[in-house]
Amino acid sequence: MVTETLDVVSATTPPRKKRPARSVKGVERDAVLALEQAARGRGEDLTCPDGLLRQLTKTVLETALDEEMSEHLGHDKHDPVGNNTGNSRNGMRTKTVLTVSVACDA
C-alpha cells in the first residue's frame, strides 16, 4: 500500500525545473580569473581599448549572436542540412559596436 501511495504522489508531482549547478559559476569564475592572470602576466591592461575586457566582450557577443542564428535557422554553421533550403547562412559582414573609450596609461 505504501508503494501505491508513492506512485500516485510521484505521478502527480510536477517535474522540477532544472537549474544550472552552482559549481558552473565557480568554473566560470575560475576561467575568468585564469584569463585575468594570464593577461596581467603578459603585461596587458584589463580595460584599455585592446584589453582583456574588450576581447571577452567581443567573444561573448559574437558567440551569442552565432548561437541565436543557429537556433533561428535550425542548424549550425557549415551544417549541410541547410544547403539549398532557402534557409541557410549566406555570408557575413563586419559590424561595429560603439563603446566608450577608456584612456589608459601606456
PDB file of N, CA and C in Angstrom:
ATOM      1  N   MET A   1       0.817  -1.187   0.000  1.00  0.00           N
ATOM      2  CA  MET A   1       0.000   0.000   0.000  1.00  0.00           C
ATOM      3  C   MET A   1       0.865   1.258   0.000  1.00  0.00           C
ATOM      4  N   VAL A   2       1.964   1.257   0.695  1.00  0.00           N
ATOM      5  CA  VAL A   2       2.860   2.405   0.710  1.00  0.00           C
ATOM      6  C   VAL A   2       3.409   2.653  -0.686  1.00  0.00           C
ATOM      7  N   THR A   3       3.735   1.589  -1.405  1.00  0.00           N
ATOM      8  CA  THR A   3       4.256   1.724  -2.759  1.00  0.00           C
ATOM      9  C   THR A   3       3.224   2.378  -3.674  1.00  0.00           C
ATOM     10  N   GLU A   4       1.962   2.007  -3.542  1.00  0.00           N
ATOM     11  CA  GLU A   4       0.916   2.607  -4.360  1.00  0.00           C
ATOM     12  C   GLU A   4       0.799   4.107  -4.076  1.00  0.00           C
ATOM     13  N   THR A   5       0.869   4.465  -2.811  1.00  0.00           N
ATOM     14  CA  THR A   5       0.782   5.872  -2.446  1.00  0.00           C
ATOM     15  C   THR A   5       1.949   6.646  -3.036  1.00  0.00           C
ATOM     16  N   LEU A   6       3.138   6.106  -2.982  1.00  0.00           N
ATOM     17  CA  LEU A   6       4.301   6.777  -3.549  1.00  0.00           C
ATOM     18  C   LEU A   6       4.164   6.938  -5.054  1.00  0.00           C
ATOM     19  N   ASP A   7       3.627   5.909  -5.732  1.00  0.00           N
ATOM     20  CA  ASP A   7       3.435   6.001  -7.171  1.00  0.00           C
ATOM     21  C   ASP A   7       2.474   7.125  -7.521  1.00  0.00           C
ATOM     22  N   VAL A   8       1.392   7.251  -6.764  1.00  0.00           N
ATOM     23  CA  VAL A   8       0.402   8.288  -7.021  1.00  0.00           C
ATOM     24  C   VAL A   8       1.012   9.667  -6.776  1.00  0.00           C
ATOM     25  N   VAL A   9       1.765   9.822  -5.705  1.00  0.00           N
ATOM     26  CA  VAL A   9       2.377  11.105  -5.381  1.00  0.00           C
ATOM     27  C   VAL A   9       3.383  11.484  -6.456  1.00  0.00           C
ATOM     28  N   SER A  10       4.232  10.549  -6.881  1.00  0.00           N
ATOM     29  CA  SER A  10       5.241  10.884  -7.876  1.00  0.00           C
ATOM     30  C   SER A  10       4.609  11.177  -9.234  1.00  0.00           C
ATOM     31  N   ALA A  11       3.471  10.575  -9.525  1.00  0.00           N
ATOM     32  CA  ALA A  11       2.812  10.814 -10.814  1.00  0.00           C
ATOM     33  C   ALA A  11       2.155  12.189 -10.853  1.00  0.00           C
ATOM     34  N   THR A  12       1.722  12.703  -9.696  1.00  0.00           N
ATOM     35  CA  THR A  12       1.036  13.987  -9.684  1.00  0.00           C
ATOM     36  C   THR A  12       1.961  15.148  -9.333  1.00  0.00           C
ATOM     37  N   THR A  13       3.162  14.870  -8.911  1.00  0.00           N
ATOM     38  CA  THR A  13       4.099  15.934  -8.564  1.00  0.00           C
ATOM     39  C   THR A  13       4.670  16.533  -9.840  1.00  0.00           C
ATOM     40  N   PRO A  14       4.554  17.846 -10.017  1.00  0.00           N
ATOM     41  CA  PRO A  14       5.098  18.447 -11.237  1.00  0.00           C
ATOM     42  C   PRO A  14       6.619  18.320 -11.271  1.00  0.00           C
ATOM     43  N   PRO A  15       7.186  18.127 -12.452  1.00  0.00           N
ATOM     44  CA  PRO A  15       8.641  17.996 -12.532  1.00  0.00           C
ATOM     45  C   PRO A  15       9.325  19.302 -12.165  1.00  0.00           C
ATOM     46  N   ARG A  16      10.452  19.197 -11.490  1.00  0.00           N
ATOM     47  CA  ARG A  16      11.215  20.381 -11.124  1.00  0.00           C
ATOM     48  C   ARG A  16      11.959  20.911 -12.333  1.00  0.00           C
ATOM     49  N   LYS A  17      12.066  22.208 -12.398  1.00  0.00           N
ATOM     50  CA  LYS A  17      12.863  22.808 -13.456  1.00  0.00           C
ATOM     51  C   LYS A  17      14.331  22.573 -13.136  1.00  0.00           C
ATOM     52  N   LYS A  18      15.077  22.215 -14.161  1.00  0.00           N
ATOM     53  CA  LYS A  18      16.498  22.010 -13.957  1.00  0.00           C
ATOM     54  C   LYS A  18      17.174  23.364 -13.823  1.00  0.00           C
ATOM     55  N   ARG A  19      17.993  23.478 -12.824  1.00  0.00           N
ATOM     56  CA  ARG A  19      18.764  24.694 -12.620  1.00  0.00           C
ATOM     57  C   ARG A  19      20.228  24.368 -12.848  1.00  0.00           C
ATOM     58  N   PRO A  20      20.974  25.335 -13.356  1.00  0.00           N
ATOM     59  CA  PRO A  20      22.395  25.062 -13.529  1.00  0.00           C
ATOM     60  C   PRO A  20      23.047  24.809 -12.177  1.00  0.00           C
ATOM     61  N   ALA A  21      23.989  23.907 -12.161  1.00  0.00           N
ATOM     62  CA  ALA A  21      24.683  23.594 -10.920  1.00  0.00           C
ATOM     63  C   ALA A  21      25.423  24.831 -10.439  1.00  0.00           C
ATOM     64  N   ARG A  22      25.469  25.001  -9.139  1.00  0.00           N
ATOM     65  CA  ARG A  22      26.161  26.152  -8.585  1.00  0.00           C
ATOM     66  C   ARG A  22      27.641  26.130  -8.945  1.00  0.00           C
ATOM     67  N   SER A  23      28.171  24.948  -9.150  1.00  0.00           N
ATOM     68  CA  SER A  23      29.585  24.848  -9.459  1.00  0.00           C
ATOM     69  C   SER A  23      29.924  25.465 -10.811  1.00  0.00           C
ATOM     70  N   VAL A  24      28.930  25.626 -11.696  1.00  0.00           N
ATOM     71  CA  VAL A  24      29.188  26.241 -13.001  1.00  0.00           C
ATOM     72  C   VAL A  24      29.689  27.668 -12.803  1.00  0.00           C
ATOM     73  N   LYS A  25      29.062  28.403 -11.888  1.00  0.00           N
ATOM     74  CA  LYS A  25      29.519  29.769 -11.615  1.00  0.00           C
ATOM     75  C   LYS A  25      30.961  29.748 -11.151  1.00  0.00           C
ATOM     76  N   GLY A  26      31.300  28.798 -10.313  1.00  0.00           N
ATOM     77  CA  GLY A  26      32.665  28.692  -9.828  1.00  0.00           C
ATOM     78  C   GLY A  26      33.636  28.387 -10.956  1.00  0.00           C
ATOM     79  N   VAL A  27      33.231  27.521 -11.871  1.00  0.00           N
ATOM     80  CA  VAL A  27      34.077  27.169 -13.009  1.00  0.00           C
ATOM     81  C   VAL A  27      34.266  28.388 -13.899  1.00  0.00           C
ATOM     82  N   GLU A  28      33.193  29.115 -14.162  1.00  0.00           N
ATOM     83  CA  GLU A  28      33.284  30.320 -14.983  1.00  0.00           C
ATOM     84  C   GLU A  28      34.168  31.363 -14.318  1.00  0.00           C
ATOM     85  N   ARG A  29      34.002  31.531 -13.022  1.00  0.00           N
ATOM     86  CA  ARG A  29      34.822  32.496 -12.284  1.00  0.00           C
ATOM     87  C   ARG A  29      36.292  32.099 -12.340  1.00  0.00           C
ATOM     88  N   ASP A  30      36.572  30.823 -12.167  1.00  0.00           N
ATOM     89  CA  ASP A  30      37.953  30.352 -12.245  1.00  0.00           C
ATOM     90  C   ASP A  30      38.547  30.600 -13.627  1.00  0.00           C
ATOM     91  N   ALA A  31      37.745  30.399 -14.665  1.00  0.00           N
ATOM     92  CA  ALA A  31      38.221  30.632 -16.034  1.00  0.00           C
ATOM     93  C   ALA A  31      38.539  32.114 -16.248  1.00  0.00           C
ATOM     94  N   VAL A  32      37.674  32.992 -15.758  1.00  0.00           N
ATOM     95  CA  VAL A  32      37.905  34.429 -15.903  1.00  0.00           C
ATOM     96  C   VAL A  32      39.144  34.844 -15.112  1.00  0.00           C
ATOM     97  N   LEU A  33      39.291  34.312 -13.919  1.00  0.00           N
ATOM     98  CA  LEU A  33      40.477  34.640 -13.120  1.00  0.00           C
ATOM     99  C   LEU A  33      41.752  34.162 -13.807  1.00  0.00           C
ATOM    100  N   ALA A  34      41.705  32.990 -14.422  1.00  0.00           N
ATOM    101  CA  ALA A  34      42.876  32.487 -15.152  1.00  0.00           C
ATOM    102  C   ALA A  34      43.197  33.394 -16.338  1.00  0.00           C
ATOM    103  N   LEU A  35      42.165  33.850 -17.057  1.00  0.00           N
ATOM    104  CA  LEU A  35      42.382  34.777 -18.167  1.00  0.00           C
ATOM    105  C   LEU A  35      42.979  36.086 -17.672  1.00  0.00           C
ATOM    106  N   GLU A  36      42.470  36.569 -16.543  1.00  0.00           N
ATOM    107  CA  GLU A  36      42.982  37.824 -15.975  1.00  0.00           C
ATOM    108  C   GLU A  36      44.450  37.677 -15.588  1.00  0.00           C
ATOM    109  N   GLN A  37      44.783  36.592 -14.927  1.00  0.00           N
ATOM    110  CA  GLN A  37      46.172  36.377 -14.514  1.00  0.00           C
ATOM    111  C   GLN A  37      47.095  36.241 -15.721  1.00  0.00           C
ATOM    112  N   ALA A  38      46.640  35.551 -16.760  1.00  0.00           N
ATOM    113  CA  ALA A  38      47.451  35.390 -17.966  1.00  0.00           C
ATOM    114  C   ALA A  38      47.672  36.743 -18.640  1.00  0.00           C
ATOM    115  N   ALA A  39      46.617  37.577 -18.713  1.00  0.00           N
ATOM    116  CA  ALA A  39      46.739  38.900 -19.328  1.00  0.00           C
ATOM    117  C   ALA A  39      47.703  39.772 -18.530  1.00  0.00           C
ATOM    118  N   ARG A  40      47.570  39.750 -17.222  1.00  0.00           N
ATOM    119  CA  ARG A  40      48.484  40.532 -16.381  1.00  0.00           C
ATOM    120  C   ARG A  40      49.919  40.018 -16.525  1.00  0.00           C
ATOM    121  N   GLY A  41      50.076  38.705 -16.645  1.00  0.00           N
ATOM    122  CA  GLY A  41      51.402  38.118 -16.819  1.00  0.00           C
ATOM    123  C   GLY A  41      52.064  38.564 -18.115  1.00  0.00           C
ATOM    124  N   ARG A  42      51.254  38.823 -19.141  1.00  0.00           N
ATOM    125  CA  ARG A  42      51.775  39.323 -20.421  1.00  0.00           C
ATOM    126  C   ARG A  42      51.919  40.837 -20.416  1.00  0.00           C
ATOM    127  N   GLY A  43      51.529  41.470 -19.306  1.00  0.00           N
ATOM    128  CA  GLY A  43      51.636  42.921 -19.206  1.00  0.00           C
ATOM    129  C   GLY A  43      50.488  43.653 -19.864  1.00  0.00           C
ATOM    130  N   GLU A  44      49.400  42.967 -20.171  1.00  0.00           N
ATOM    131  CA  GLU A  44      48.241  43.595 -20.804  1.00  0.00           C
ATOM    132  C   GLU A  44      47.356  44.242 -19.753  1.00  0.00           C
ATOM    133  N   ASP A  45      46.799  45.385 -20.125  1.00  0.00           N
ATOM    134  CA  ASP A  45      45.850  46.044 -19.244  1.00  0.00           C
ATOM    135  C   ASP A  45      44.486  45.390 -19.430  1.00  0.00           C
ATOM    136  N   LEU A  46      43.675  45.445 -18.413  1.00  0.00           N
ATOM    137  CA  LEU A  46      42.375  44.786 -18.469  1.00  0.00           C
ATOM    138  C   LEU A  46      41.305  45.633 -19.147  1.00  0.00           C
ATOM    139  N   THR A  47      41.387  46.958 -19.013  1.00  0.00           N
ATOM    140  CA  THR A  47      40.307  47.804 -19.512  1.00  0.00           C
ATOM    141  C   THR A  47      40.712  48.745 -20.637  1.00  0.00           C
ATOM    142  N   CYS A  48      41.942  48.699 -21.104  1.00  0.00           N
ATOM    143  CA  CYS A  48      42.362  49.535 -22.239  1.00  0.00           C
ATOM    144  C   CYS A  48      41.578  49.128 -23.485  1.00  0.00           C
ATOM    145  N   PRO A  49      41.623  49.963 -24.533  1.00  0.00           N
ATOM    146  CA  PRO A  49      40.862  49.651 -25.747  1.00  0.00           C
ATOM    147  C   PRO A  49      41.110  48.251 -26.316  1.00  0.00           C
ATOM    148  N   ASP A  50      42.288  47.725 -26.194  1.00  0.00           N
ATOM    149  CA  ASP A  50      42.550  46.363 -26.675  1.00  0.00           C
ATOM    150  C   ASP A  50      42.769  45.395 -25.517  1.00  0.00           C
ATOM    151  N   GLY A  51      42.251  45.735 -24.349  1.00  0.00           N
ATOM    152  CA  GLY A  51      42.462  44.935 -23.153  1.00  0.00           C
ATOM    153  C   GLY A  51      41.560  43.706 -23.090  1.00  0.00           C
ATOM    154  N   LEU A  52      41.738  42.989 -22.007  1.00  0.00           N
ATOM    155  CA  LEU A  52      41.022  41.727 -21.798  1.00  0.00           C
ATOM    156  C   LEU A  52      39.506  41.917 -21.800  1.00  0.00           C
ATOM    157  N   LEU A  53      39.013  42.966 -21.169  1.00  0.00           N
ATOM    158  CA  LEU A  53      37.565  43.174 -21.092  1.00  0.00           C
ATOM    159  C   LEU A  53      36.950  43.320 -22.478  1.00  0.00           C
ATOM    160  N   ARG A  54      37.611  44.067 -23.353  1.00  0.00           N
ATOM    161  CA  ARG A  54      37.098  44.230 -24.714  1.00  0.00           C
ATOM    162  C   ARG A  54      37.110  42.900 -25.460  1.00  0.00           C
ATOM    163  N   GLN A  55      38.188  42.154 -25.320  1.00  0.00           N
ATOM    164  CA  GLN A  55      38.294  40.860 -26.004  1.00  0.00           C
ATOM    165  C   GLN A  55      37.205  39.893 -25.516  1.00  0.00           C
ATOM    166  N   LEU A  56      36.981  39.864 -24.205  1.00  0.00           N
ATOM    167  CA  LEU A  56      35.942  38.987 -23.655  1.00  0.00           C
ATOM    168  C   LEU A  56      34.555  39.420 -24.130  1.00  0.00           C
ATOM    169  N   THR A  57      34.293  40.722 -24.117  1.00  0.00           N
ATOM    170  CA  THR A  57      33.002  41.230 -24.566  1.00  0.00           C
ATOM    171  C   THR A  57      32.757  40.867 -26.025  1.00  0.00           C
ATOM    172  N   LYS A  58      33.765  41.044 -26.852  1.00  0.00           N
ATOM    173  CA  LYS A  58      33.667  40.716 -28.276  1.00  0.00           C
ATOM    174  C   LYS A  58      33.353  39.230 -28.465  1.00  0.00           C
ATOM    175  N   THR A  59      34.074  38.392 -27.753  1.00  0.00           N
ATOM    176  CA  THR A  59      33.875  36.950 -27.882  1.00  0.00           C
ATOM    177  C   THR A  59      32.484  36.529 -27.415  1.00  0.00           C
ATOM    178  N   VAL A  60      32.035  37.076 -26.297  1.00  0.00           N
ATOM    179  CA  VAL A  60      30.707  36.737 -25.773  1.00  0.00           C
ATOM    180  C   VAL A  60      29.613  37.177 -26.744  1.00  0.00           C
ATOM    181  N   LEU A  61      29.705  38.399 -27.271  1.00  0.00           N
ATOM    182  CA  LEU A  61      28.692  38.889 -28.209  1.00  0.00           C
ATOM    183  C   LEU A  61      28.669  38.068 -29.496  1.00  0.00           C
ATOM    184  N   GLU A  62      29.844  37.796 -30.054  1.00  0.00           N
ATOM    185  CA  GLU A  62      29.898  37.021 -31.295  1.00  0.00           C
ATOM    186  C   GLU A  62      29.341  35.614 -31.095  1.00  0.00           C
ATOM    187  N   THR A  63      29.694  34.993 -29.977  1.00  0.00           N
ATOM    188  CA  THR A  63      29.205  33.645 -29.693  1.00  0.00           C
ATOM    189  C   THR A  63      27.697  33.636 -29.505  1.00  0.00           C
ATOM    190  N   ALA A  64      27.171  34.619 -28.767  1.00  0.00           N
ATOM    191  CA  ALA A  64      25.725  34.693 -28.540  1.00  0.00           C
ATOM    192  C   ALA A  64      24.974  34.913 -29.848  1.00  0.00           C
ATOM    193  N   LEU A  65      25.475  35.801 -30.698  1.00  0.00           N
ATOM    194  CA  LEU A  65      24.812  36.055 -31.977  1.00  0.00           C
ATOM    195  C   LEU A  65      24.868  34.830 -32.891  1.00  0.00           C
ATOM    196  N   ASP A  66      25.989  34.121 -32.880  1.00  0.00           N
ATOM    197  CA  ASP A  66      26.117  32.918 -33.694  1.00  0.00           C
ATOM    198  C   ASP A  66      25.148  31.833 -33.212  1.00  0.00           C
ATOM    199  N   GLU A  67      25.031  31.684 -31.897  1.00  0.00           N
ATOM    200  CA  GLU A  67      24.095  30.702 -31.340  1.00  0.00           C
ATOM    201  C   GLU A  67      22.656  31.089 -31.642  1.00  0.00           C
ATOM    202  N   GLU A  68      22.353  32.375 -31.584  1.00  0.00           N
ATOM    203  CA  GLU A  68      20.999  32.839 -31.897  1.00  0.00           C
ATOM    204  C   GLU A  68      20.652  32.534 -33.355  1.00  0.00           C
ATOM    205  N   MET A  69      21.621  32.741 -34.246  1.00  0.00           N
ATOM    206  CA  MET A  69      21.386  32.445 -35.665  1.00  0.00           C
ATOM    207  C   MET A  69      21.184  30.947 -35.874  1.00  0.00           C
ATOM    208  N   SER A  70      21.982  30.124 -35.203  1.00  0.00           N
ATOM    209  CA  SER A  70      21.825  28.673 -35.320  1.00  0.00           C
ATOM    210  C   SER A  70      20.447  28.230 -34.848  1.00  0.00           C
ATOM    211  N   GLU A  71      19.994  28.814 -33.735  1.00  0.00           N
ATOM    212  CA  GLU A  71      18.666  28.474 -33.217  1.00  0.00           C
ATOM    213  C   GLU A  71      17.575  28.922 -34.185  1.00  0.00           C
ATOM    214  N   HIS A  72      17.721  30.112 -34.736  1.00  0.00           N
ATOM    215  CA  HIS A  72      16.726  30.655 -35.663  1.00  0.00           C
ATOM    216  C   HIS A  72      16.631  29.804 -36.933  1.00  0.00           C
ATOM    217  N   LEU A  73      17.781  29.400 -37.483  1.00  0.00           N
ATOM    218  CA  LEU A  73      17.785  28.636 -38.727  1.00  0.00           C
ATOM    219  C   LEU A  73      17.519  27.152 -38.514  1.00  0.00           C
ATOM    220  N   GLY A  74      17.795  26.664 -37.313  1.00  0.00           N
ATOM    221  CA  GLY A  74      17.569  25.256 -37.027  1.00  0.00           C
ATOM    222  C   GLY A  74      18.751  24.363 -37.366  1.00  0.00           C
ATOM    223  N   HIS A  75      19.906  24.962 -37.652  1.00  0.00           N
ATOM    224  CA  HIS A  75      21.112  24.175 -37.913  1.00  0.00           C
ATOM    225  C   HIS A  75      22.343  25.030 -37.639  1.00  0.00           C
ATOM    226  N   ASP A  76      23.460  24.346 -37.378  1.00  0.00           N
ATOM    227  CA  ASP A  76      24.701  25.037 -37.072  1.00  0.00           C
ATOM    228  C   ASP A  76      25.387  25.551 -38.328  1.00  0.00           C
ATOM    229  N   LYS A  77      26.349  26.415 -38.105  1.00  0.00           N
ATOM    230  CA  LYS A  77      27.162  26.957 -39.183  1.00  0.00           C
ATOM    231  C   LYS A  77      27.880  25.819 -39.904  1.00  0.00           C
ATOM    232  N   HIS A  78      27.920  25.871 -41.205  1.00  0.00           N
ATOM    233  CA  HIS A  78      28.573  24.877 -42.068  1.00  0.00           C
ATOM    234  C   HIS A  78      27.885  23.511 -42.046  1.00  0.00           C
ATOM    235  N   ASP A  79      26.689  23.419 -41.491  1.00  0.00           N
ATOM    236  CA  ASP A  79      25.955  22.153 -41.474  1.00  0.00           C
ATOM    237  C   ASP A  79      25.302  21.957 -42.841  1.00  0.00           C
ATOM    238  N   PRO A  80      25.567  20.837 -43.521  1.00  0.00           N
ATOM    239  CA  PRO A  80      24.997  20.622 -44.849  1.00  0.00           C
ATOM    240  C   PRO A  80      23.469  20.523 -44.856  1.00  0.00           C
ATOM    241  N   VAL A  81      22.858  20.373 -43.696  1.00  0.00           N
ATOM    242  CA  VAL A  81      21.398  20.296 -43.614  1.00  0.00           C
ATOM    243  C   VAL A  81      20.758  21.534 -44.223  1.00  0.00           C
ATOM    244  N   GLY A  82      21.388  22.696 -44.085  1.00  0.00           N
ATOM    245  CA  GLY A  82      20.804  23.938 -44.568  1.00  0.00           C
ATOM    246  C   GLY A  82      21.063  24.241 -46.030  1.00  0.00           C
ATOM    247  N   ASN A  83      21.863  23.428 -46.704  1.00  0.00           N
ATOM    248  CA  ASN A  83      22.192  23.697 -48.109  1.00  0.00           C
ATOM    249  C   ASN A  83      20.953  23.667 -49.003  1.00  0.00           C
ATOM    250  N   ASN A  84      20.823  24.685 -49.830  1.00  0.00           N
ATOM    251  CA  ASN A  84      19.761  24.786 -50.829  1.00  0.00           C
ATOM    252  C   ASN A  84      18.350  24.669 -50.256  1.00  0.00           C
ATOM    253  N   THR A  85      18.165  25.141 -49.033  1.00  0.00           N
ATOM    254  CA  THR A  85      16.835  25.093 -48.433  1.00  0.00           C
ATOM    255  C   THR A  85      16.172  26.464 -48.429  1.00  0.00           C
ATOM    256  N   GLY A  86      16.927  27.488 -48.807  1.00  0.00           N
ATOM    257  CA  GLY A  86      16.397  28.844 -48.723  1.00  0.00           C
ATOM    258  C   GLY A  86      16.469  29.387 -47.313  1.00  0.00           C
ATOM    259  N   ASN A  87      16.967  28.598 -46.404  1.00  0.00           N
ATOM    260  CA  ASN A  87      17.063  28.994 -45.006  1.00  0.00           C
ATOM    261  C   ASN A  87      18.477  28.687 -44.517  1.00  0.00           C
ATOM    262  N   SER A  88      19.451  29.246 -45.216  1.00  0.00           N
ATOM    263  CA  SER A  88      20.837  28.959 -44.861  1.00  0.00           C
ATOM    264  C   SER A  88      21.612  30.246 -44.668  1.00  0.00           C
ATOM    265  N   ARG A  89      22.773  30.112 -44.131  1.00  0.00           N
ATOM    266  CA  ARG A  89      23.643  31.272 -43.937  1.00  0.00           C
ATOM    267  C   ARG A  89      24.272  31.591 -45.285  1.00  0.00           C
ATOM    268  N   ASN A  90      24.241  32.833 -45.648  1.00  0.00           N
ATOM    269  CA  ASN A  90      24.768  33.192 -46.956  1.00  0.00           C
ATOM    270  C   ASN A  90      25.859  34.256 -46.861  1.00  0.00           C
ATOM    271  N   GLY A  91      26.622  34.215 -45.823  1.00  0.00           N
ATOM    272  CA  GLY A  91      27.730  35.145 -45.678  1.00  0.00           C
ATOM    273  C   GLY A  91      27.591  36.002 -44.444  1.00  0.00           C
ATOM    274  N   MET A  92      28.544  36.911 -44.305  1.00  0.00           N
ATOM    275  CA  MET A  92      28.517  37.812 -43.162  1.00  0.00           C
ATOM    276  C   MET A  92      29.232  39.091 -43.536  1.00  0.00           C
ATOM    277  N   ARG A  93      29.064  40.081 -42.728  1.00  0.00           N
ATOM    278  CA  ARG A  93      29.762  41.338 -42.945  1.00  0.00           C
ATOM    279  C   ARG A  93      30.215  41.884 -41.598  1.00  0.00           C
ATOM    280  N   THR A  94      31.153  42.786 -41.647  1.00  0.00           N
ATOM    281  CA  THR A  94      31.700  43.375 -40.437  1.00  0.00           C
ATOM    282  C   THR A  94      30.665  44.278 -39.784  1.00  0.00           C
ATOM    283  N   LYS A  95      30.583  44.190 -38.480  1.00  0.00           N
ATOM    284  CA  LYS A  95      29.685  45.036 -37.705  1.00  0.00           C
ATOM    285  C   LYS A  95      30.508  45.763 -36.654  1.00  0.00           C
ATOM    286  N   THR A  96      30.105  46.957 -36.317  1.00  0.00           N
ATOM    287  CA  THR A  96      30.821  47.733 -35.322  1.00  0.00           C
ATOM    288  C   THR A  96      29.889  48.024 -34.158  1.00  0.00           C
ATOM    289  N   VAL A  97      30.375  47.755 -32.953  1.00  0.00           N
ATOM    290  CA  VAL A  97      29.625  48.072 -31.743  1.00  0.00           C
ATOM    291  C   VAL A  97      30.301  49.288 -31.132  1.00  0.00           C
ATOM    292  N   LEU A  98      29.554  50.364 -30.960  1.00  0.00           N
ATOM    293  CA  LEU A  98      30.105  51.584 -30.397  1.00  0.00           C
ATOM    294  C   LEU A  98      30.220  51.440 -28.891  1.00  0.00           C
ATOM    295  N   THR A  99      31.379  51.766 -28.383  1.00  0.00           N
ATOM    296  CA  THR A  99      31.626  51.690 -26.939  1.00  0.00           C
ATOM    297  C   THR A  99      32.291  52.969 -26.476  1.00  0.00           C
ATOM    298  N   VAL A 100      32.379  53.143 -25.200  1.00  0.00           N
ATOM    299  CA  VAL A 100      33.055  54.296 -24.627  1.00  0.00           C
ATOM    300  C   VAL A 100      34.538  53.967 -24.538  1.00  0.00           C
ATOM    301  N   SER A 101      35.363  54.847 -25.029  1.00  0.00           N
ATOM    302  CA  SER A 101      36.805  54.632 -24.997  1.00  0.00           C
ATOM    303  C   SER A 101      37.351  55.024 -23.627  1.00  0.00           C
ATOM    304  N   VAL A 102      38.251  54.216 -23.109  1.00  0.00           N
ATOM    305  CA  VAL A 102      38.858  54.459 -21.820  1.00  0.00           C
ATOM    306  C   VAL A 102      40.313  54.823 -22.030  1.00  0.00           C
ATOM    307  N   ALA A 103      40.744  55.924 -21.453  1.00  0.00           N
ATOM    308  CA  ALA A 103      42.146  56.318 -21.579  1.00  0.00           C
ATOM    309  C   ALA A 103      42.981  55.435 -20.661  1.00  0.00           C
ATOM    310  N   CYS A 104      44.116  54.992 -21.166  1.00  0.00           N
ATOM    311  CA  CYS A 104      44.996  54.120 -20.397  1.00  0.00           C
ATOM    312  C   CYS A 104      46.396  54.699 -20.361  1.00  0.00           C
ATOM    313  N   ASP A 105      47.082  54.426 -19.292  1.00  0.00           N
ATOM    314  CA  ASP A 105      48.485  54.831 -19.196  1.00  0.00           C
ATOM    315  C   ASP A 105      49.316  53.856 -19.981  1.00  0.00           C
ATOM    316  N   ALA A 106      50.145  54.351 -20.868  1.00  0.00           N
ATOM    317  CA  ALA A 106      50.967  53.462 -21.679  1.00  0.00           C
ATOM    318  C   ALA A 106      52.368  53.363 -21.136  1.00  0.00           C
TER     319      ALA A 106
END
